[in-house]
Amino acid sequence: DNYLHIKVGPYVTPAPYYMNILSKRFSAPVWVGKGLPGEIEIEANK
């Protein structure tokens, strides 16, 4: 349910599809398409 309702400011949207193969070994999960809903929301709201 949280993946289907990502909260960004006043907006609510399903998490988009995103994959970053090149950086996945070196980046935090949220930046390579592996993040949890809460992690995505934190970065998006920044």
ModelCIF file with pLDDT and N, C-alpha, C, O atoms, coordinates in Angstrom:
data_MODEL
#
_entry.id   MODEL 
#
_entity.id                         1 
_entity.type                       polymer 
_entity.pdbx_number_of_molecules   1 
#
_entity_poly.entity_id                      1 
_entity_poly.type                           'polypeptide(L)' 
_entity_poly.nstd_linkage                   no 
_entity_poly.nstd_monomer                   no 
_entity_poly.pdbx_seq_one_letter_code       DNYLHIKVGPYVTPAPYYMNILSKRFSAPVWVGKGLPGEIEIEANK 
_entity_poly.pdbx_seq_one_letter_code_can   DNYLHIKVGPYVTPAPYYMNILSKRFSAPVWVGKGLPGEIEIEANK 
_entity_poly.pdbx_strand_id                 A 
#
loop_
_entity_poly_seq.entity_id 
_entity_poly_seq.num 
_entity_poly_seq.mon_id 
_entity_poly_seq.hetero 
1 1  ASP n 
1 2  ASN n 
1 3  TYR n 
1 4  LEU n 
1 5  HIS n 
1 6  ILE n 
1 7  LYS n 
1 8  VAL n 
1 9  GLY n 
1 10 PRO n 
1 11 TYR n 
1 12 VAL n 
1 13 THR n 
1 14 PRO n 
1 15 ALA n 
1 16 PRO n 
1 17 TYR n 
1 18 TYR n 
1 19 MET n 
1 20 ASN n 
1 21 ILE n 
1 22 LEU n 
1 23 SER n 
1 24 LYS n 
1 25 ARG n 
1 26 PHE n 
1 27 SER n 
1 28 ALA n 
1 29 PRO n 
1 30 VAL n 
1 31 TRP n 
1 32 VAL n 
1 33 GLY n 
1 34 LYS n 
1 35 GLY n 
1 36 LEU n 
1 37 PRO n 
1 38 GLY n 
1 39 GLU n 
1 40 ILE n 
1 41 GLU n 
1 42 ILE n 
1 43 GLU n 
1 44 ALA n 
1 45 ASN n 
1 46 LYS n 
#
_struct_asym.id          A 
_struct_asym.entity_id   1 
#
loop_
_ma_qa_metric.id 
_ma_qa_metric.mode 
_ma_qa_metric.name 
_ma_qa_metric.software_group_id 
_ma_qa_metric.type 
1 global pLDDT . pLDDT 
2 local  pLDDT . pLDDT 
#
_ma_qa_metric_global.metric_id      1 
_ma_qa_metric_global.metric_value   90.09 
_ma_qa_metric_global.model_id       1 
_ma_qa_metric_global.ordinal_id     1 
#
loop_
_ma_qa_metric_local.label_asym_id 
_ma_qa_metric_local.label_comp_id 
_ma_qa_metric_local.label_seq_id 
_ma_qa_metric_local.metric_id 
_ma_qa_metric_local.metric_value 
_ma_qa_metric_local.model_id 
_ma_qa_metric_local.ordinal_id 
A ASP 1  2 98.00 1 1  
A ASN 2  2 98.00 1 2  
A TYR 3  2 98.00 1 3  
A LEU 4  2 98.00 1 4  
A HIS 5  2 98.00 1 5  
A ILE 6  2 98.00 1 6  
A LYS 7  2 97.00 1 7  
A VAL 8  2 95.00 1 8  
A GLY 9  2 93.00 1 9  
A PRO 10 2 93.00 1 10 
A TYR 11 2 94.00 1 11 
A VAL 12 2 95.00 1 12 
A THR 13 2 96.00 1 13 
A PRO 14 2 97.00 1 14 
A ALA 15 2 98.00 1 15 
A PRO 16 2 97.00 1 16 
A TYR 17 2 97.00 1 17 
A TYR 18 2 94.00 1 18 
A MET 19 2 88.00 1 19 
A ASN 20 2 77.00 1 20 
A ILE 21 2 68.00 1 21 
A LEU 22 2 61.00 1 22 
A SER 23 2 57.00 1 23 
A LYS 24 2 52.00 1 24 
A ARG 25 2 54.00 1 25 
A PHE 26 2 61.00 1 26 
A SER 27 2 78.00 1 27 
A ALA 28 2 89.00 1 28 
A PRO 29 2 91.00 1 29 
A VAL 30 2 94.00 1 30 
A TRP 31 2 93.00 1 31 
A VAL 32 2 92.00 1 32 
A GLY 33 2 94.00 1 33 
A LYS 34 2 95.00 1 34 
A GLY 35 2 95.00 1 35 
A LEU 36 2 98.00 1 36 
A PRO 37 2 98.00 1 37 
A GLY 38 2 98.00 1 38 
A GLU 39 2 98.00 1 39 
A ILE 40 2 98.00 1 40 
A GLU 41 2 98.00 1 41 
A ILE 42 2 98.00 1 42 
A GLU 43 2 97.00 1 43 
A ALA 44 2 96.00 1 44 
A ASN 45 2 96.00 1 45 
A LYS 46 2 96.00 1 46 
#
loop_
_atom_site.group_PDB 
_atom_site.id 
_atom_site.type_symbol 
_atom_site.label_atom_id 
_atom_site.label_alt_id 
_atom_site.label_comp_id 
_atom_site.label_asym_id 
_atom_site.label_entity_id 
_atom_site.label_seq_id 
_atom_site.pdbx_PDB_ins_code 
_atom_site.Cartn_x 
_atom_site.Cartn_y 
_atom_site.Cartn_z 
_atom_site.occupancy 
_atom_site.B_iso_or_equiv 
_atom_site.pdbx_formal_charge 
_atom_site.auth_seq_id 
_atom_site.auth_comp_id 
_atom_site.auth_asym_id 
_atom_site.auth_atom_id 
_atom_site.pdbx_PDB_model_num 
ATOM 1   N N  . ASP A 1 1  ? 0.825  -1.208 0.000   1.00 98.00 ? 1  ASP A N  1 
ATOM 2   C CA . ASP A 1 1  ? 0.000  0.000  0.000   1.00 98.00 ? 1  ASP A CA 1 
ATOM 3   C C  . ASP A 1 1  ? 0.861  1.260  0.000   1.00 98.00 ? 1  ASP A C  1 
ATOM 4   O O  . ASP A 1 1  ? 0.538  2.241  -0.670  1.00 98.00 ? 1  ASP A O  1 
ATOM 5   N N  . ASN A 1 2  ? 1.946  1.228  0.747   1.00 98.00 ? 2  ASN A N  1 
ATOM 6   C CA . ASN A 1 2  ? 2.840  2.397  0.797   1.00 98.00 ? 2  ASN A CA 1 
ATOM 7   C C  . ASN A 1 2  ? 3.540  2.626  -0.544  1.00 98.00 ? 2  ASN A C  1 
ATOM 8   O O  . ASN A 1 2  ? 3.735  3.772  -0.948  1.00 98.00 ? 2  ASN A O  1 
ATOM 9   N N  . TYR A 1 3  ? 3.918  1.552  -1.236  1.00 98.00 ? 3  TYR A N  1 
ATOM 10  C CA . TYR A 1 3  ? 4.515  1.706  -2.564  1.00 98.00 ? 3  TYR A CA 1 
ATOM 11  C C  . TYR A 1 3  ? 3.511  2.309  -3.551  1.00 98.00 ? 3  TYR A C  1 
ATOM 12  O O  . TYR A 1 3  ? 3.890  3.041  -4.465  1.00 98.00 ? 3  TYR A O  1 
ATOM 13  N N  . LEU A 1 4  ? 2.245  1.995  -3.358  1.00 98.00 ? 4  LEU A N  1 
ATOM 14  C CA . LEU A 1 4  ? 1.199  2.509  -4.252  1.00 98.00 ? 4  LEU A CA 1 
ATOM 15  C C  . LEU A 1 4  ? 0.786  3.931  -3.909  1.00 98.00 ? 4  LEU A C  1 
ATOM 16  O O  . LEU A 1 4  ? 0.086  4.580  -4.686  1.00 98.00 ? 4  LEU A O  1 
ATOM 17  N N  . HIS A 1 5  ? 1.217  4.424  -2.740  1.00 98.00 ? 5  HIS A N  1 
ATOM 18  C CA . HIS A 1 5  ? 0.818  5.754  -2.281  1.00 98.00 ? 5  HIS A CA 1 
ATOM 19  C C  . HIS A 1 5  ? 2.015  6.509  -1.702  1.00 98.00 ? 5  HIS A C  1 
ATOM 20  O O  . HIS A 1 5  ? 2.036  6.841  -0.517  1.00 98.00 ? 5  HIS A O  1 
ATOM 21  N N  . ILE A 1 6  ? 3.006  6.773  -2.548  1.00 98.00 ? 6  ILE A N  1 
ATOM 22  C CA . ILE A 1 6  ? 4.166  7.556  -2.133  1.00 98.00 ? 6  ILE A CA 1 
ATOM 23  C C  . ILE A 1 6  ? 3.736  9.013  -1.973  1.00 98.00 ? 6  ILE A C  1 
ATOM 24  O O  . ILE A 1 6  ? 3.115  9.587  -2.868  1.00 98.00 ? 6  ILE A O  1 
ATOM 25  N N  . LYS A 1 7  ? 4.071  9.604  -0.827  1.00 97.00 ? 7  LYS A N  1 
ATOM 26  C CA . LYS A 1 7  ? 3.662  10.979 -0.536  1.00 97.00 ? 7  LYS A CA 1 
ATOM 27  C C  . LYS A 1 7  ? 4.836  11.939 -0.792  1.00 97.00 ? 7  LYS A C  1 
ATOM 28  O O  . LYS A 1 7  ? 5.890  11.844 -0.164  1.00 97.00 ? 7  LYS A O  1 
ATOM 29  N N  . VAL A 1 8  ? 4.614  12.857 -1.729  1.00 95.00 ? 8  VAL A N  1 
ATOM 30  C CA . VAL A 1 8  ? 5.605  13.874 -2.063  1.00 95.00 ? 8  VAL A CA 1 
ATOM 31  C C  . VAL A 1 8  ? 4.935  15.239 -1.933  1.00 95.00 ? 8  VAL A C  1 
ATOM 32  O O  . VAL A 1 8  ? 4.146  15.629 -2.794  1.00 95.00 ? 8  VAL A O  1 
ATOM 33  N N  . GLY A 1 9  ? 5.246  15.965 -0.861  1.00 93.00 ? 9  GLY A N  1 
ATOM 34  C CA . GLY A 1 9  ? 4.538  17.221 -0.621  1.00 93.00 ? 9  GLY A CA 1 
ATOM 35  C C  . GLY A 1 9  ? 3.042  16.948 -0.562  1.00 93.00 ? 9  GLY A C  1 
ATOM 36  O O  . GLY A 1 9  ? 2.618  16.079 0.201   1.00 93.00 ? 9  GLY A O  1 
ATOM 37  N N  . PRO A 1 10 ? 2.223  17.660 -1.342  1.00 93.00 ? 10 PRO A N  1 
ATOM 38  C CA . PRO A 1 10 ? 0.774  17.434 -1.337  1.00 93.00 ? 10 PRO A CA 1 
ATOM 39  C C  . PRO A 1 10 ? 0.339  16.329 -2.302  1.00 93.00 ? 10 PRO A C  1 
ATOM 40  O O  . PRO A 1 10 ? -0.848 16.020 -2.406  1.00 93.00 ? 10 PRO A O  1 
ATOM 41  N N  . TYR A 1 11 ? 1.296  15.745 -2.999  1.00 94.00 ? 11 TYR A N  1 
ATOM 42  C CA . TYR A 1 11 ? 0.962  14.769 -4.034  1.00 94.00 ? 11 TYR A CA 1 
ATOM 43  C C  . TYR A 1 11 ? 1.082  13.333 -3.500  1.00 94.00 ? 11 TYR A C  1 
ATOM 44  O O  . TYR A 1 11 ? 1.887  13.051 -2.612  1.00 94.00 ? 11 TYR A O  1 
ATOM 45  N N  . VAL A 1 12 ? 0.268  12.442 -4.058  1.00 95.00 ? 12 VAL A N  1 
ATOM 46  C CA . VAL A 1 12 ? 0.339  11.022 -3.730  1.00 95.00 ? 12 VAL A CA 1 
ATOM 47  C C  . VAL A 1 12 ? 0.377  10.246 -5.045  1.00 95.00 ? 12 VAL A C  1 
ATOM 48  O O  . VAL A 1 12 ? -0.477 10.441 -5.910  1.00 95.00 ? 12 VAL A O  1 
ATOM 49  N N  . THR A 1 13 ? 1.356  9.378  -5.189  1.00 96.00 ? 13 THR A N  1 
ATOM 50  C CA . THR A 1 13 ? 1.539  8.677  -6.454  1.00 96.00 ? 13 THR A CA 1 
ATOM 51  C C  . THR A 1 13 ? 2.172  7.308  -6.220  1.00 96.00 ? 13 THR A C  1 
ATOM 52  O O  . THR A 1 13 ? 2.921  7.138  -5.259  1.00 96.00 ? 13 THR A O  1 
ATOM 53  N N  . PRO A 1 14 ? 1.889  6.336  -7.073  1.00 97.00 ? 14 PRO A N  1 
ATOM 54  C CA . PRO A 1 14 ? 2.643  5.081  -6.990  1.00 97.00 ? 14 PRO A CA 1 
ATOM 55  C C  . PRO A 1 14 ? 4.122  5.325  -7.279  1.00 97.00 ? 14 PRO A C  1 
ATOM 56  O O  . PRO A 1 14 ? 4.473  6.218  -8.050  1.00 97.00 ? 14 PRO A O  1 
ATOM 57  N N  . ALA A 1 15 ? 4.971  4.537  -6.664  1.00 98.00 ? 15 ALA A N  1 
ATOM 58  C CA . ALA A 1 15 ? 6.408  4.653  -6.945  1.00 98.00 ? 15 ALA A CA 1 
ATOM 59  C C  . ALA A 1 15 ? 6.656  4.322  -8.411  1.00 98.00 ? 15 ALA A C  1 
ATOM 60  O O  . ALA A 1 15 ? 6.158  3.306  -8.896  1.00 98.00 ? 15 ALA A O  1 
ATOM 61  N N  . PRO A 1 16 ? 7.413  5.150  -9.132  1.00 97.00 ? 16 PRO A N  1 
ATOM 62  C CA . PRO A 1 16 ? 7.713  4.853  -10.531 1.00 97.00 ? 16 PRO A CA 1 
ATOM 63  C C  . PRO A 1 16 ? 8.637  3.647  -10.651 1.00 97.00 ? 16 PRO A C  1 
ATOM 64  O O  . PRO A 1 16 ? 9.278  3.230  -9.686  1.00 97.00 ? 16 PRO A O  1 
ATOM 65  N N  . TYR A 1 17 ? 8.687  3.100  -11.863 1.00 97.00 ? 17 TYR A N  1 
ATOM 66  C CA . TYR A 1 17 ? 9.682  2.082  -12.156 1.00 97.00 ? 17 TYR A CA 1 
ATOM 67  C C  . TYR A 1 17 ? 11.027 2.779  -12.342 1.00 97.00 ? 17 TYR A C  1 
ATOM 68  O O  . TYR A 1 17 ? 11.125 3.755  -13.086 1.00 97.00 ? 17 TYR A O  1 
ATOM 69  N N  . TYR A 1 18 ? 12.054 2.284  -11.674 1.00 94.00 ? 18 TYR A N  1 
ATOM 70  C CA . TYR A 1 18 ? 13.384 2.862  -11.845 1.00 94.00 ? 18 TYR A CA 1 
ATOM 71  C C  . TYR A 1 18 ? 14.443 1.801  -11.582 1.00 94.00 ? 18 TYR A C  1 
ATOM 72  O O  . TYR A 1 18 ? 14.393 1.090  -10.577 1.00 94.00 ? 18 TYR A O  1 
ATOM 73  N N  . MET A 1 19 ? 15.404 1.703  -12.501 1.00 88.00 ? 19 MET A N  1 
ATOM 74  C CA . MET A 1 19 ? 16.499 0.753  -12.332 1.00 88.00 ? 19 MET A CA 1 
ATOM 75  C C  . MET A 1 19 ? 17.804 1.445  -12.717 1.00 88.00 ? 19 MET A C  1 
ATOM 76  O O  . MET A 1 19 ? 17.891 2.079  -13.768 1.00 88.00 ? 19 MET A O  1 
ATOM 77  N N  . ASN A 1 20 ? 18.809 1.320  -11.868 1.00 77.00 ? 20 ASN A N  1 
ATOM 78  C CA . ASN A 1 20 ? 20.127 1.890  -12.132 1.00 77.00 ? 20 ASN A CA 1 
ATOM 79  C C  . ASN A 1 20 ? 21.159 0.786  -11.948 1.00 77.00 ? 20 ASN A C  1 
ATOM 80  O O  . ASN A 1 20 ? 21.646 0.561  -10.840 1.00 77.00 ? 20 ASN A O  1 
ATOM 81  N N  . ILE A 1 21 ? 21.489 0.104  -13.033 1.00 68.00 ? 21 ILE A N  1 
ATOM 82  C CA . ILE A 1 21 ? 22.404 -1.035 -12.961 1.00 68.00 ? 21 ILE A CA 1 
ATOM 83  C C  . ILE A 1 21 ? 23.834 -0.592 -12.664 1.00 68.00 ? 21 ILE A C  1 
ATOM 84  O O  . ILE A 1 21 ? 24.531 -1.232 -11.876 1.00 68.00 ? 21 ILE A O  1 
ATOM 85  N N  . LEU A 1 22 ? 24.271 0.496  -13.289 1.00 61.00 ? 22 LEU A N  1 
ATOM 86  C CA . LEU A 1 22 ? 25.677 0.900  -13.198 1.00 61.00 ? 22 LEU A CA 1 
ATOM 87  C C  . LEU A 1 22 ? 26.111 1.255  -11.791 1.00 61.00 ? 22 LEU A C  1 
ATOM 88  O O  . LEU A 1 22 ? 27.256 1.009  -11.412 1.00 61.00 ? 22 LEU A O  1 
ATOM 89  N N  . SER A 1 23 ? 25.196 1.838  -11.005 1.00 57.00 ? 23 SER A N  1 
ATOM 90  C CA . SER A 1 23 ? 25.594 2.332  -9.676  1.00 57.00 ? 23 SER A CA 1 
ATOM 91  C C  . SER A 1 23 ? 25.161 1.439  -8.524  1.00 57.00 ? 23 SER A C  1 
ATOM 92  O O  . SER A 1 23 ? 25.411 1.772  -7.365  1.00 57.00 ? 23 SER A O  1 
ATOM 93  N N  . LYS A 1 24 ? 24.517 0.311  -8.814  1.00 52.00 ? 24 LYS A N  1 
ATOM 94  C CA . LYS A 1 24 ? 23.864 -0.426 -7.734  1.00 52.00 ? 24 LYS A CA 1 
ATOM 95  C C  . LYS A 1 24 ? 24.832 -0.989 -6.694  1.00 52.00 ? 24 LYS A C  1 
ATOM 96  O O  . LYS A 1 24 ? 24.438 -1.217 -5.550  1.00 52.00 ? 24 LYS A O  1 
ATOM 97  N N  . ARG A 1 25 ? 26.076 -1.213 -7.067  1.00 54.00 ? 25 ARG A N  1 
ATOM 98  C CA . ARG A 1 25 ? 27.026 -1.791 -6.116  1.00 54.00 ? 25 ARG A CA 1 
ATOM 99  C C  . ARG A 1 25 ? 27.589 -0.758 -5.152  1.00 54.00 ? 25 ARG A C  1 
ATOM 100 O O  . ARG A 1 25 ? 28.158 -1.102 -4.116  1.00 54.00 ? 25 ARG A O  1 
ATOM 101 N N  . PHE A 1 26 ? 27.425 0.496  -5.502  1.00 61.00 ? 26 PHE A N  1 
ATOM 102 C CA . PHE A 1 26 ? 28.099 1.523  -4.727  1.00 61.00 ? 26 PHE A CA 1 
ATOM 103 C C  . PHE A 1 26 ? 27.157 2.534  -4.071  1.00 61.00 ? 26 PHE A C  1 
ATOM 104 O O  . PHE A 1 26 ? 27.598 3.319  -3.232  1.00 61.00 ? 26 PHE A O  1 
ATOM 105 N N  . SER A 1 27 ? 25.893 2.534  -4.426  1.00 78.00 ? 27 SER A N  1 
ATOM 106 C CA . SER A 1 27 ? 24.959 3.533  -3.925  1.00 78.00 ? 27 SER A CA 1 
ATOM 107 C C  . SER A 1 27 ? 23.993 2.938  -2.912  1.00 78.00 ? 27 SER A C  1 
ATOM 108 O O  . SER A 1 27 ? 23.836 1.721  -2.809  1.00 78.00 ? 27 SER A O  1 
ATOM 109 N N  . ALA A 1 28 ? 23.349 3.831  -2.166  1.00 89.00 ? 28 ALA A N  1 
ATOM 110 C CA . ALA A 1 28 ? 22.319 3.397  -1.233  1.00 89.00 ? 28 ALA A CA 1 
ATOM 111 C C  . ALA A 1 28 ? 21.153 2.802  -2.021  1.00 89.00 ? 28 ALA A C  1 
ATOM 112 O O  . ALA A 1 28 ? 20.879 3.244  -3.136  1.00 89.00 ? 28 ALA A O  1 
ATOM 113 N N  . PRO A 1 29 ? 20.459 1.800  -1.457  1.00 91.00 ? 29 PRO A N  1 
ATOM 114 C CA . PRO A 1 29 ? 19.365 1.150  -2.174  1.00 91.00 ? 29 PRO A CA 1 
ATOM 115 C C  . PRO A 1 29 ? 18.337 2.108  -2.755  1.00 91.00 ? 29 PRO A C  1 
ATOM 116 O O  . PRO A 1 29 ? 17.801 1.856  -3.834  1.00 91.00 ? 29 PRO A O  1 
ATOM 117 N N  . VAL A 1 30 ? 18.053 3.203  -2.055  1.00 94.00 ? 30 VAL A N  1 
ATOM 118 C CA . VAL A 1 30 ? 17.012 4.123  -2.510  1.00 94.00 ? 30 VAL A CA 1 
ATOM 119 C C  . VAL A 1 30 ? 17.359 4.772  -3.851  1.00 94.00 ? 30 VAL A C  1 
ATOM 120 O O  . VAL A 1 30 ? 16.459 5.186  -4.581  1.00 94.00 ? 30 VAL A O  1 
ATOM 121 N N  . TRP A 1 31 ? 18.649 4.865  -4.184  1.00 93.00 ? 31 TRP A N  1 
ATOM 122 C CA . TRP A 1 31 ? 19.058 5.519  -5.422  1.00 93.00 ? 31 TRP A CA 1 
ATOM 123 C C  . TRP A 1 31 ? 19.280 4.555  -6.580  1.00 93.00 ? 31 TRP A C  1 
ATOM 124 O O  . TRP A 1 31 ? 19.678 4.973  -7.667  1.00 93.00 ? 31 TRP A O  1 
ATOM 125 N N  . VAL A 1 32 ? 19.029 3.285  -6.359  1.00 92.00 ? 32 VAL A N  1 
ATOM 126 C CA . VAL A 1 32 ? 19.242 2.304  -7.432  1.00 92.00 ? 32 VAL A CA 1 
ATOM 127 C C  . VAL A 1 32 ? 18.015 1.419  -7.658  1.00 92.00 ? 32 VAL A C  1 
ATOM 128 O O  . VAL A 1 32 ? 18.134 0.295  -8.144  1.00 92.00 ? 32 VAL A O  1 
ATOM 129 N N  . GLY A 1 33 ? 16.843 1.933  -7.303  1.00 94.00 ? 33 GLY A N  1 
ATOM 130 C CA . GLY A 1 33 ? 15.619 1.183  -7.555  1.00 94.00 ? 33 GLY A CA 1 
ATOM 131 C C  . GLY A 1 33 ? 15.344 0.078  -6.566  1.00 94.00 ? 33 GLY A C  1 
ATOM 132 O O  . GLY A 1 33 ? 14.613 -0.862 -6.879  1.00 94.00 ? 33 GLY A O  1 
ATOM 133 N N  . LYS A 1 34 ? 15.916 0.167  -5.372  1.00 95.00 ? 34 LYS A N  1 
ATOM 134 C CA . LYS A 1 34 ? 15.719 -0.878 -4.368  1.00 95.00 ? 34 LYS A CA 1 
ATOM 135 C C  . LYS A 1 34 ? 15.192 -0.321 -3.046  1.00 95.00 ? 34 LYS A C  1 
ATOM 136 O O  . LYS A 1 34 ? 15.152 -1.037 -2.045  1.00 95.00 ? 34 LYS A O  1 
ATOM 137 N N  . GLY A 1 35 ? 14.790 0.942  -3.035  1.00 95.00 ? 35 GLY A N  1 
ATOM 138 C CA . GLY A 1 35 ? 14.417 1.591  -1.786  1.00 95.00 ? 35 GLY A CA 1 
ATOM 139 C C  . GLY A 1 35 ? 13.071 1.179  -1.240  1.00 95.00 ? 35 GLY A C  1 
ATOM 140 O O  . GLY A 1 35 ? 12.190 0.739  -1.979  1.00 95.00 ? 35 GLY A O  1 
ATOM 141 N N  . LEU A 1 36 ? 12.922 1.327  0.066   1.00 98.00 ? 36 LEU A N  1 
ATOM 142 C CA . LEU A 1 36 ? 11.633 1.159  0.733   1.00 98.00 ? 36 LEU A CA 1 
ATOM 143 C C  . LEU A 1 36 ? 10.812 2.431  0.537   1.00 98.00 ? 36 LEU A C  1 
ATOM 144 O O  . LEU A 1 36 ? 11.382 3.488  0.268   1.00 98.00 ? 36 LEU A O  1 
ATOM 145 N N  . PRO A 1 37 ? 9.490  2.355  0.665   1.00 98.00 ? 37 PRO A N  1 
ATOM 146 C CA . PRO A 1 37 ? 8.655  3.545  0.459   1.00 98.00 ? 37 PRO A CA 1 
ATOM 147 C C  . PRO A 1 37 ? 9.063  4.737  1.315   1.00 98.00 ? 37 PRO A C  1 
ATOM 148 O O  . PRO A 1 37 ? 9.118  5.865  0.824   1.00 98.00 ? 37 PRO A O  1 
ATOM 149 N N  . GLY A 1 38 ? 9.347  4.498  2.576   1.00 98.00 ? 38 GLY A N  1 
ATOM 150 C CA . GLY A 1 38 ? 9.743  5.586  3.462   1.00 98.00 ? 38 GLY A CA 1 
ATOM 151 C C  . GLY A 1 38 ? 11.033 6.242  3.032   1.00 98.00 ? 38 GLY A C  1 
ATOM 152 O O  . GLY A 1 38 ? 11.176 7.458  3.152   1.00 98.00 ? 38 GLY A O  1 
ATOM 153 N N  . GLU A 1 39 ? 11.981 5.456  2.529   1.00 98.00 ? 39 GLU A N  1 
ATOM 154 C CA . GLU A 1 39 ? 13.258 5.997  2.051   1.00 98.00 ? 39 GLU A CA 1 
ATOM 155 C C  . GLU A 1 39 ? 13.042 6.861  0.811   1.00 98.00 ? 39 GLU A C  1 
ATOM 156 O O  . GLU A 1 39 ? 13.645 7.926  0.671   1.00 98.00 ? 39 GLU A O  1 
ATOM 157 N N  . ILE A 1 40 ? 12.178 6.393  -0.084  1.00 98.00 ? 40 ILE A N  1 
ATOM 158 C CA . ILE A 1 40 ? 11.873 7.162  -1.292  1.00 98.00 ? 40 ILE A CA 1 
ATOM 159 C C  . ILE A 1 40 ? 11.231 8.491  -0.923  1.00 98.00 ? 40 ILE A C  1 
ATOM 160 O O  . ILE A 1 40 ? 11.579 9.532  -1.480  1.00 98.00 ? 40 ILE A O  1 
ATOM 161 N N  . GLU A 1 41 ? 10.290 8.452  0.020   1.00 98.00 ? 41 GLU A N  1 
ATOM 162 C CA . GLU A 1 41 ? 9.597  9.677  0.436   1.00 98.00 ? 41 GLU A CA 1 
ATOM 163 C C  . GLU A 1 41 ? 10.557 10.690 1.066   1.00 98.00 ? 41 GLU A C  1 
ATOM 164 O O  . GLU A 1 41 ? 10.455 11.887 0.798   1.00 98.00 ? 41 GLU A O  1 
ATOM 165 N N  . ILE A 1 42 ? 11.469 10.227 1.883   1.00 98.00 ? 42 ILE A N  1 
ATOM 166 C CA . ILE A 1 42 ? 12.424 11.136 2.538   1.00 98.00 ? 42 ILE A CA 1 
ATOM 167 C C  . ILE A 1 42 ? 13.241 11.900 1.495   1.00 98.00 ? 42 ILE A C  1 
ATOM 168 O O  . ILE A 1 42 ? 13.357 13.123 1.567   1.00 98.00 ? 42 ILE A O  1 
ATOM 169 N N  . GLU A 1 43 ? 13.804 11.178 0.530   1.00 97.00 ? 43 GLU A N  1 
ATOM 170 C CA . GLU A 1 43 ? 14.636 11.827 -0.483  1.00 97.00 ? 43 GLU A CA 1 
ATOM 171 C C  . GLU A 1 43 ? 13.809 12.717 -1.402  1.00 97.00 ? 43 GLU A C  1 
ATOM 172 O O  . GLU A 1 43 ? 14.242 13.807 -1.777  1.00 97.00 ? 43 GLU A O  1 
ATOM 173 N N  . ALA A 1 44 ? 12.615 12.248 -1.764  1.00 96.00 ? 44 ALA A N  1 
ATOM 174 C CA . ALA A 1 44 ? 11.757 13.031 -2.658  1.00 96.00 ? 44 ALA A CA 1 
ATOM 175 C C  . ALA A 1 44 ? 11.313 14.337 -2.006  1.00 96.00 ? 44 ALA A C  1 
ATOM 176 O O  . ALA A 1 44 ? 11.252 15.375 -2.666  1.00 96.00 ? 44 ALA A O  1 
ATOM 177 N N  . ASN A 1 45 ? 11.009 14.287 -0.729  1.00 96.00 ? 45 ASN A N  1 
ATOM 178 C CA . ASN A 1 45 ? 10.543 15.495 -0.049  1.00 96.00 ? 45 ASN A CA 1 
ATOM 179 C C  . ASN A 1 45 ? 11.658 16.495 0.209   1.00 96.00 ? 45 ASN A C  1 
ATOM 180 O O  . ASN A 1 45 ? 11.398 17.692 0.330   1.00 96.00 ? 45 ASN A O  1 
ATOM 181 N N  . LYS A 1 46 ? 12.886 16.026 0.295   1.00 96.00 ? 46 LYS A N  1 
ATOM 182 C CA . LYS A 1 46 ? 14.015 16.956 0.354   1.00 96.00 ? 46 LYS A CA 1 
ATOM 183 C C  . LYS A 1 46 ? 14.054 17.795 -0.926  1.00 96.00 ? 46 LYS A C  1 
ATOM 184 O O  . LYS A 1 46 ? 14.931 18.645 -1.082  1.00 96.00 ? 46 LYS A O  1 
#
